[in-house]
Amino acid sequence: MERLLDKLPALLRDPEFVKAYDESAEEFALAREIIKARAAAGLSQQDLAKRMATTQSTVARLESGQHLPSMSTLKKLAKATGTRLSIHLERA
């Protein structure tokens, strides 16, 4: 079975893929931060879900980068992982 990472070089030659990837960069960066916070807290998705009073499937969706969480959800996540929510805007 071929892995996604093995397909990436070919995908990056496709202008439509590159455009879609670039447009989703912030969502994927947020998903990586969510995963890092959970892992640093030593929590499974199920553990985090319990602390946030939600379901494991909701945590999985947050970590997929395909759904943008609300500010309320991000605050719950920060509290549940013992982190502090910090939002920054940078000059383009």
C-alpha atoms as a PDB file:
ATOM      1  CA  MET A   1       0.000   0.000   0.000  1.00  0.00           C
ATOM      2  CA  GLU A   2       1.400   3.393  -1.007  1.00  0.00           C
ATOM      3  CA  ARG A   3       1.534   6.042   1.709  1.00  0.00           C
ATOM      4  CA  LEU A   4       0.438   9.648   1.229  1.00  0.00           C
ATOM      5  CA  LEU A   5       3.990  10.846   1.862  1.00  0.00           C
ATOM      6  CA  ASP A   6       5.147   8.686  -1.040  1.00  0.00           C
ATOM      7  CA  LYS A   7       2.570  10.374  -3.298  1.00  0.00           C
ATOM      8  CA  LEU A   8       3.371  13.909  -2.123  1.00  0.00           C
ATOM      9  CA  PRO A   9       6.066  14.738  -4.716  1.00  0.00           C
ATOM     10  CA  ALA A  10       3.660  13.954  -7.562  1.00  0.00           C
ATOM     11  CA  LEU A  11       0.809  15.803  -5.871  1.00  0.00           C
ATOM     12  CA  LEU A  12       2.962  18.914  -5.475  1.00  0.00           C
ATOM     13  CA  ARG A  13       3.364  19.054  -9.269  1.00  0.00           C
ATOM     14  CA  ASP A  14      -0.411  19.436  -9.614  1.00  0.00           C
ATOM     15  CA  PRO A  15      -1.280  23.173  -9.539  1.00  0.00           C
ATOM     16  CA  GLU A  16      -4.805  22.483  -8.244  1.00  0.00           C
ATOM     17  CA  PHE A  17      -3.450  20.416  -5.357  1.00  0.00           C
ATOM     18  CA  VAL A  18      -0.872  23.078  -4.480  1.00  0.00           C
ATOM     19  CA  LYS A  19      -3.559  25.792  -4.515  1.00  0.00           C
ATOM     20  CA  ALA A  20      -5.867  23.777  -2.245  1.00  0.00           C
ATOM     21  CA  TYR A  21      -2.965  22.873   0.054  1.00  0.00           C
ATOM     22  CA  ASP A  22      -1.876  26.507   0.342  1.00  0.00           C
ATOM     23  CA  GLU A  23      -5.433  27.639   1.066  1.00  0.00           C
ATOM     24  CA  SER A  24      -5.636  25.136   3.934  1.00  0.00           C
ATOM     25  CA  ALA A  25      -2.262  25.916   5.510  1.00  0.00           C
ATOM     26  CA  GLU A  26      -3.702  27.745   8.522  1.00  0.00           C
ATOM     27  CA  GLU A  27      -6.221  24.999   9.259  1.00  0.00           C
ATOM     28  CA  PHE A  28      -3.502  22.350   9.176  1.00  0.00           C
ATOM     29  CA  ALA A  29      -1.220  24.492  11.367  1.00  0.00           C
ATOM     30  CA  LEU A  30      -4.012  24.792  13.935  1.00  0.00           C
ATOM     31  CA  ALA A  31      -4.614  21.036  13.797  1.00  0.00           C
ATOM     32  CA  ARG A  32      -0.897  20.425  14.452  1.00  0.00           C
ATOM     33  CA  GLU A  33      -1.052  22.753  17.480  1.00  0.00           C
ATOM     34  CA  ILE A  34      -4.085  20.900  18.832  1.00  0.00           C
ATOM     35  CA  ILE A  35      -2.312  17.554  18.443  1.00  0.00           C
ATOM     36  CA  LYS A  36       0.864  18.925  20.065  1.00  0.00           C
ATOM     37  CA  ALA A  37      -1.093  20.288  23.052  1.00  0.00           C
ATOM     38  CA  ARG A  38      -2.893  16.989  23.569  1.00  0.00           C
ATOM     39  CA  ALA A  39       0.294  14.950  23.264  1.00  0.00           C
ATOM     40  CA  ALA A  40       2.254  17.267  25.579  1.00  0.00           C
ATOM     41  CA  ALA A  41      -0.501  16.852  28.174  1.00  0.00           C
ATOM     42  CA  GLY A  42      -0.163  13.074  27.832  1.00  0.00           C
ATOM     43  CA  LEU A  43      -3.783  12.670  26.790  1.00  0.00           C
ATOM     44  CA  SER A  44      -5.459  10.333  24.353  1.00  0.00           C
ATOM     45  CA  GLN A  45      -8.239  11.703  22.177  1.00  0.00           C
ATOM     46  CA  GLN A  46     -10.700   9.988  24.521  1.00  0.00           C
ATOM     47  CA  ASP A  47      -9.088  11.583  27.592  1.00  0.00           C
ATOM     48  CA  LEU A  48      -9.198  15.027  26.007  1.00  0.00           C
ATOM     49  CA  ALA A  49     -12.808  14.530  24.966  1.00  0.00           C
ATOM     50  CA  LYS A  50     -13.786  13.717  28.553  1.00  0.00           C
ATOM     51  CA  ARG A  51     -12.029  16.817  29.863  1.00  0.00           C
ATOM     52  CA  MET A  52     -13.782  18.943  27.231  1.00  0.00           C
ATOM     53  CA  ALA A  53     -17.168  17.272  27.805  1.00  0.00           C
ATOM     54  CA  THR A  54     -17.357  16.194  24.184  1.00  0.00           C
ATOM     55  CA  THR A  55     -16.769  13.044  22.147  1.00  0.00           C
ATOM     56  CA  GLN A  56     -13.609  11.405  20.845  1.00  0.00           C
ATOM     57  CA  SER A  57     -14.907  11.820  17.294  1.00  0.00           C
ATOM     58  CA  THR A  58     -15.155  15.582  17.857  1.00  0.00           C
ATOM     59  CA  VAL A  59     -11.519  15.679  18.987  1.00  0.00           C
ATOM     60  CA  ALA A  60     -10.545  13.624  15.916  1.00  0.00           C
ATOM     61  CA  ARG A  61     -12.325  16.155  13.679  1.00  0.00           C
ATOM     62  CA  LEU A  62     -10.480  19.020  15.385  1.00  0.00           C
ATOM     63  CA  GLU A  63      -7.184  17.236  14.786  1.00  0.00           C
ATOM     64  CA  SER A  64      -7.999  16.544  11.129  1.00  0.00           C
ATOM     65  CA  GLY A  65      -7.703  20.208  10.168  1.00  0.00           C
ATOM     66  CA  GLN A  66     -10.881  19.979   8.121  1.00  0.00           C
ATOM     67  CA  HIS A  67     -13.088  21.838  10.588  1.00  0.00           C
ATOM     68  CA  LEU A  68     -12.375  25.183  12.194  1.00  0.00           C
ATOM     69  CA  PRO A  69     -13.162  25.169  15.918  1.00  0.00           C
ATOM     70  CA  SER A  70     -14.997  28.018  17.596  1.00  0.00           C
ATOM     71  CA  MET A  71     -13.235  30.282  20.072  1.00  0.00           C
ATOM     72  CA  SER A  72     -15.236  28.587  22.834  1.00  0.00           C
ATOM     73  CA  THR A  73     -13.937  25.172  21.760  1.00  0.00           C
ATOM     74  CA  LEU A  74     -10.352  26.432  21.633  1.00  0.00           C
ATOM     75  CA  LYS A  75     -10.725  27.835  25.167  1.00  0.00           C
ATOM     76  CA  LYS A  76     -12.041  24.469  26.419  1.00  0.00           C
ATOM     77  CA  LEU A  77      -9.175  22.705  24.683  1.00  0.00           C
ATOM     78  CA  ALA A  78      -6.601  25.031  26.255  1.00  0.00           C
ATOM     79  CA  LYS A  79      -8.053  24.492  29.732  1.00  0.00           C
ATOM     80  CA  ALA A  80      -8.250  20.724  29.219  1.00  0.00           C
ATOM     81  CA  THR A  81      -4.605  20.519  28.114  1.00  0.00           C
ATOM     82  CA  GLY A  82      -3.225  22.960  30.680  1.00  0.00           C
ATOM     83  CA  THR A  83      -2.240  25.441  28.001  1.00  0.00           C
ATOM     84  CA  ARG A  84      -3.058  29.078  27.317  1.00  0.00           C
ATOM     85  CA  LEU A  85      -4.844  30.172  24.161  1.00  0.00           C
ATOM     86  CA  SER A  86      -2.877  32.844  22.320  1.00  0.00           C
ATOM     87  CA  ILE A  87      -3.854  34.263  18.941  1.00  0.00           C
ATOM     88  CA  HIS A  88      -1.525  36.358  16.802  1.00  0.00           C
ATOM     89  CA  LEU A  89      -1.899  38.168  13.524  1.00  0.00           C
ATOM     90  CA  GLU A  90       1.271  38.633  11.517  1.00  0.00           C
ATOM     91  CA  ARG A  91       2.011  40.922   8.661  1.00  0.00           C
ATOM     92  CA  ALA A  92       1.709  39.082   5.351  1.00  0.00           C
END
